[in-house]
Amino acid sequence: VVAVAVFGARALWTRLPGGGRPLATRVAATVALCACTVGLSAATFTRTAEYADEQTLWQTVLDRWPSARAHRNMATALKRAGRDADALPHLRAATVDHPEARFALGYELVEQGHLAEAVGELEQYLRDYPMSTEAVTAHTLAAGALVRLERVGAAVGHLARATALAPADGQAWLSYGTALAELGRLPEAEGALRRAVALQPGSAGPSMMLGLVLEGQGRLRDAAASLERAVVIDPTDAEARAHLGRVRAALPSR
């Protein structure tokens, strides 16, 4: 912009006739050129200062043209700067005109330990967008928050929905089976965990959890076999090895 203005002022200068004009005319043109350059340079400096960092940029946008998008971008900038708590008001503001932002808000609330509010936001998001691409993650996040709130029964409902939406998601089946086991619903937990084992054959977690559920049903030999599989998959898993040792010790001698 400054370059264009300078070029225009110079063009004005070159059009001024040299002989028939008083010196004052040329001085006036020179002053106009300098003033134009200085003024636009100052404006450019101000704009550069405003946008010196991401937070300043989005704060300027919010001051002049507030919008849900600007609030979301400001929240992202604050997160990048490590100001997680300061991001929350902007995420809340974004949901007013952009209800899809409830997912990001719920995620951040879980991260910061505001579990009850997180569940409320995620459940509202799921009511509004039950088939969204983020629905499985939203169900899983809500379930995790509910478990931490010791509301395992409510968590099971979310995990059941997650497995229905993503039947090939082994982690969802593992979480579902674990929650069912926590409620003492061991036969249902076994079915879910067998799905997890089939979908995650290279992971020790599902086999270990299945072994514990089988142990809980008194099926010690089946439990030992499942725990042995977990130890083979991950020989460094001290927890699986400890469970296996306990189950083997409880096996009746032949």
Protein backbone atom coordinates (compact mmCIF):
# COMPACT_ATOMS: atom_id res chain seq x y z
CA VAL A 1 0.00 0.00 0.00
CA VAL A 2 2.82 2.39 0.90
CA ALA A 3 4.59 1.63 -2.38
CA VAL A 4 1.46 2.37 -4.41
CA ALA A 5 0.91 5.65 -2.58
CA VAL A 6 4.51 6.72 -3.08
CA PHE A 7 4.30 5.90 -6.76
CA GLY A 8 1.15 8.00 -7.07
CA ALA A 9 2.71 10.95 -5.25
CA ARG A 10 5.79 10.77 -7.45
CA ALA A 11 3.57 10.79 -10.51
CA LEU A 12 1.99 13.98 -9.18
CA TRP A 13 5.48 15.46 -8.73
CA THR A 14 6.56 14.66 -12.28
CA ARG A 15 3.45 16.27 -13.74
CA LEU A 16 4.25 19.61 -12.11
CA PRO A 17 5.84 22.00 -14.65
CA GLY A 18 9.25 23.20 -13.57
CA GLY A 19 9.51 26.70 -15.00
CA GLY A 20 6.14 28.32 -14.63
CA ARG A 21 5.31 27.26 -11.04
CA PRO A 22 6.55 28.97 -7.92
CA LEU A 23 8.90 27.14 -5.60
CA ALA A 24 6.10 26.88 -3.04
CA THR A 25 4.20 24.58 -5.38
CA ARG A 26 7.09 22.16 -5.57
CA VAL A 27 7.58 22.32 -1.81
CA ALA A 28 3.88 21.54 -1.30
CA ALA A 29 4.16 18.50 -3.55
CA THR A 30 7.22 17.32 -1.65
CA VAL A 31 5.44 17.72 1.69
CA ALA A 32 2.44 15.83 0.31
CA LEU A 33 4.71 12.98 -0.77
CA CYS A 34 6.41 12.81 2.64
CA ALA A 35 3.14 13.07 4.56
CA CYS A 36 1.55 10.33 2.47
CA THR A 37 4.53 8.04 2.99
CA VAL A 38 4.80 8.67 6.73
CA GLY A 39 1.06 8.34 7.28
CA LEU A 40 0.77 5.05 5.47
CA SER A 41 3.95 3.74 7.08
CA ALA A 42 2.46 4.52 10.49
CA ALA A 43 -0.76 2.71 9.56
CA THR A 44 1.22 -0.30 8.36
CA PHE A 45 3.26 -0.32 11.58
CA THR A 46 0.07 -0.23 13.65
CA ARG A 47 -1.44 -3.10 11.67
CA THR A 48 1.77 -5.13 12.04
CA ALA A 49 1.80 -4.53 15.80
CA GLU A 50 -1.83 -5.63 16.06
CA TYR A 51 -1.06 -8.89 14.28
CA ALA A 52 2.31 -9.48 15.93
CA ASP A 53 1.07 -12.74 17.41
CA GLU A 54 -1.87 -15.05 16.97
CA GLN A 55 -3.65 -13.99 20.15
CA THR A 56 -3.45 -10.31 19.25
CA LEU A 57 -4.74 -11.05 15.77
CA TRP A 58 -7.84 -12.87 16.99
CA GLN A 59 -8.46 -10.39 19.80
CA THR A 60 -8.47 -7.63 17.19
CA VAL A 61 -10.94 -9.64 15.08
CA LEU A 62 -13.15 -10.23 18.13
CA ASP A 63 -13.11 -6.54 19.03
CA ARG A 64 -14.14 -5.52 15.53
CA TRP A 65 -16.07 -8.45 14.07
CA PRO A 66 -17.05 -10.89 16.85
CA SER A 67 -18.09 -14.34 15.63
CA ALA A 68 -18.14 -17.97 16.69
CA ARG A 69 -15.25 -18.71 14.35
CA ALA A 70 -13.15 -15.94 15.88
CA HIS A 71 -13.86 -17.27 19.38
CA ARG A 72 -12.81 -20.78 18.32
CA ASN A 73 -9.62 -19.50 16.73
CA MET A 74 -8.85 -17.42 19.81
CA ALA A 75 -9.32 -20.51 21.96
CA THR A 76 -6.90 -22.41 19.73
CA ALA A 77 -4.34 -19.62 20.00
CA LEU A 78 -4.63 -19.57 23.78
CA LYS A 79 -4.25 -23.35 23.94
CA ARG A 80 -1.08 -23.15 21.87
CA ALA A 81 0.25 -20.58 24.31
CA GLY A 82 -0.46 -22.89 27.25
CA ARG A 83 -3.36 -20.76 28.51
CA ASP A 84 -5.87 -23.60 28.66
CA ALA A 85 -8.15 -22.08 31.29
CA ASP A 86 -8.42 -18.84 29.30
CA ALA A 87 -9.56 -20.81 26.25
CA LEU A 88 -12.73 -22.08 27.94
CA PRO A 89 -14.75 -18.80 27.88
CA HIS A 90 -14.08 -18.50 24.15
CA LEU A 91 -15.18 -22.08 23.50
CA ARG A 92 -18.35 -21.46 25.50
CA ALA A 93 -19.02 -18.28 23.52
CA ALA A 94 -18.50 -20.16 20.25
CA THR A 95 -21.36 -22.56 21.03
CA VAL A 96 -23.95 -19.77 20.94
CA ASP A 97 -23.86 -19.40 17.15
CA HIS A 98 -21.90 -22.54 16.33
CA PRO A 99 -23.35 -25.47 18.34
CA GLU A 100 -20.91 -27.92 16.74
CA ALA A 101 -18.30 -26.27 18.96
CA ARG A 102 -19.78 -28.18 21.91
CA PHE A 103 -17.57 -31.12 20.94
CA ALA A 104 -14.38 -29.05 21.26
CA LEU A 105 -15.71 -27.53 24.48
CA GLY A 106 -16.56 -30.93 25.93
CA TYR A 107 -13.14 -32.29 24.98
CA GLU A 108 -11.39 -29.37 26.65
CA LEU A 109 -13.56 -29.61 29.76
CA VAL A 110 -12.58 -33.28 30.14
CA GLU A 111 -8.92 -32.34 29.70
CA GLN A 112 -9.19 -29.74 32.45
CA GLY A 113 -11.16 -31.97 34.82
CA HIS A 114 -14.54 -30.19 34.64
CA LEU A 115 -16.24 -33.54 34.28
CA ALA A 116 -19.89 -32.80 35.03
CA GLU A 117 -19.96 -29.83 32.66
CA ALA A 118 -18.12 -31.89 30.05
CA VAL A 119 -20.75 -34.61 30.17
CA GLY A 120 -23.52 -32.04 29.73
CA GLU A 121 -21.86 -30.43 26.71
CA LEU A 122 -20.98 -33.74 25.05
CA GLU A 123 -24.46 -35.15 25.56
CA GLN A 124 -26.03 -32.01 24.09
CA TYR A 125 -23.65 -32.29 21.14
CA LEU A 126 -24.72 -35.90 20.62
CA ARG A 127 -28.40 -34.95 20.76
CA ASP A 128 -27.80 -32.31 18.10
CA TYR A 129 -25.41 -34.36 15.92
CA PRO A 130 -25.95 -38.06 16.70
CA MET A 131 -24.34 -39.29 13.47
CA SER A 132 -21.46 -36.84 13.18
CA THR A 133 -17.94 -38.00 12.41
CA GLU A 134 -17.02 -37.10 16.00
CA ALA A 135 -19.90 -39.01 17.58
CA VAL A 136 -17.88 -42.10 18.58
CA THR A 137 -15.21 -39.96 20.21
CA ALA A 138 -17.88 -37.87 21.94
CA HIS A 139 -19.53 -41.01 23.36
CA THR A 140 -16.16 -42.32 24.53
CA LEU A 141 -15.20 -39.00 26.14
CA ALA A 142 -18.56 -38.76 27.91
CA ALA A 143 -18.21 -42.36 29.12
CA GLY A 144 -14.72 -41.72 30.47
CA ALA A 145 -15.93 -38.65 32.35
CA LEU A 146 -18.89 -40.57 33.77
CA VAL A 147 -16.64 -43.39 34.98
CA ARG A 148 -14.47 -40.84 36.78
CA LEU A 149 -17.66 -39.44 38.32
CA GLU A 150 -18.48 -43.02 39.45
CA ARG A 151 -21.52 -43.14 37.18
CA VAL A 152 -20.55 -46.35 35.42
CA GLY A 153 -24.12 -47.29 34.53
CA ALA A 154 -24.53 -44.11 32.49
CA ALA A 155 -21.12 -44.68 30.92
CA VAL A 156 -22.18 -48.11 29.66
CA GLY A 157 -24.98 -46.54 27.62
CA HIS A 158 -22.52 -44.28 25.82
CA LEU A 159 -20.10 -47.12 25.16
CA ALA A 160 -22.87 -49.34 23.80
CA ARG A 161 -23.74 -46.56 21.36
CA ALA A 162 -20.07 -46.13 20.43
CA THR A 163 -19.74 -49.82 19.53
CA ALA A 164 -22.96 -49.65 17.51
CA LEU A 165 -21.62 -46.69 15.54
CA ALA A 166 -18.13 -48.19 15.12
CA PRO A 167 -18.40 -51.99 15.32
CA ALA A 168 -14.80 -52.42 14.12
CA ASP A 169 -13.34 -50.20 16.85
CA GLY A 170 -11.51 -52.57 19.17
CA GLN A 171 -10.79 -49.89 21.76
CA ALA A 172 -14.49 -49.08 22.03
CA TRP A 173 -15.28 -52.75 22.66
CA LEU A 174 -12.52 -52.95 25.28
CA SER A 175 -13.92 -49.91 27.11
CA TYR A 176 -17.44 -51.30 26.86
CA GLY A 177 -16.42 -54.71 28.21
CA THR A 178 -14.43 -53.15 31.05
CA ALA A 179 -17.39 -50.98 32.09
CA LEU A 180 -19.76 -53.97 31.98
CA ALA A 181 -17.34 -55.92 34.17
CA GLU A 182 -17.25 -53.03 36.63
CA LEU A 183 -21.04 -53.38 36.94
CA GLY A 184 -20.73 -57.13 37.49
CA ARG A 185 -22.37 -57.97 34.16
CA LEU A 186 -19.72 -60.58 33.44
CA PRO A 187 -21.32 -62.64 30.63
CA GLU A 188 -22.00 -59.45 28.65
CA ALA A 189 -18.51 -58.21 29.45
CA GLU A 190 -17.03 -61.46 28.15
CA GLY A 191 -18.81 -61.07 24.82
CA ALA A 192 -17.62 -57.48 24.40
CA LEU A 193 -14.05 -58.38 25.35
CA ARG A 194 -13.93 -61.29 22.94
CA ARG A 195 -14.82 -58.80 20.21
CA ALA A 196 -11.99 -56.57 21.42
CA VAL A 197 -9.52 -59.47 21.36
CA ALA A 198 -10.53 -60.35 17.80
CA LEU A 199 -10.20 -56.74 16.65
CA GLN A 200 -6.91 -56.09 18.48
CA PRO A 201 -4.97 -59.35 18.25
CA GLY A 202 -1.66 -57.61 18.82
CA SER A 203 -2.72 -55.83 22.01
CA ALA A 204 -2.29 -57.40 25.44
CA GLY A 205 -5.00 -55.32 27.14
CA PRO A 206 -8.10 -57.08 25.79
CA SER A 207 -6.70 -60.55 26.55
CA MET A 208 -5.76 -59.53 30.08
CA MET A 209 -9.18 -58.02 30.77
CA LEU A 210 -10.91 -61.06 29.30
CA GLY A 211 -8.82 -63.27 31.58
CA LEU A 212 -9.99 -61.31 34.63
CA VAL A 213 -13.63 -61.59 33.57
CA LEU A 214 -13.25 -65.34 33.04
CA GLU A 215 -11.62 -65.61 36.46
CA GLY A 216 -14.56 -63.74 37.94
CA GLN A 217 -16.87 -66.39 36.49
CA GLY A 218 -14.82 -69.17 38.08
CA ARG A 219 -13.43 -70.40 34.75
CA LEU A 220 -9.84 -70.51 35.87
CA ARG A 221 -8.35 -72.57 33.04
CA ASP A 222 -9.90 -70.32 30.42
CA ALA A 223 -8.71 -67.32 32.43
CA ALA A 224 -5.16 -68.67 32.57
CA ALA A 225 -5.14 -69.26 28.81
CA SER A 226 -6.27 -65.69 28.13
CA LEU A 227 -3.72 -64.23 30.54
CA GLU A 228 -0.98 -66.37 29.00
CA ARG A 229 -1.89 -64.91 25.63
CA ALA A 230 -1.56 -61.40 27.09
CA VAL A 231 1.90 -62.20 28.46
CA VAL A 232 3.02 -63.65 25.12
CA ILE A 233 1.88 -60.48 23.35
CA ASP A 234 3.67 -58.26 25.88
CA PRO A 235 6.19 -60.07 28.10
CA THR A 236 6.99 -56.79 29.87
CA ASP A 237 3.42 -56.35 31.17
CA ALA A 238 3.97 -56.84 34.90
CA GLU A 239 0.26 -56.57 35.70
CA ALA A 240 -0.68 -59.38 33.31
CA ARG A 241 2.11 -61.56 34.69
CA ALA A 242 0.91 -60.96 38.25
CA HIS A 243 -2.67 -61.89 37.35
CA LEU A 244 -1.46 -65.00 35.55
CA GLY A 245 0.59 -66.09 38.57
CA ARG A 246 -2.41 -65.69 40.86
CA VAL A 247 -4.74 -67.65 38.56
CA ARG A 248 -2.22 -70.45 38.06
CA ALA A 249 -1.80 -70.74 41.82
CA ALA A 250 -5.58 -71.11 42.18
CA LEU A 251 -5.87 -73.86 39.56
CA PRO A 252 -6.74 -77.26 41.02
CA SER A 253 -3.95 -79.77 40.73
CA ARG A 254 -4.57 -82.62 38.33
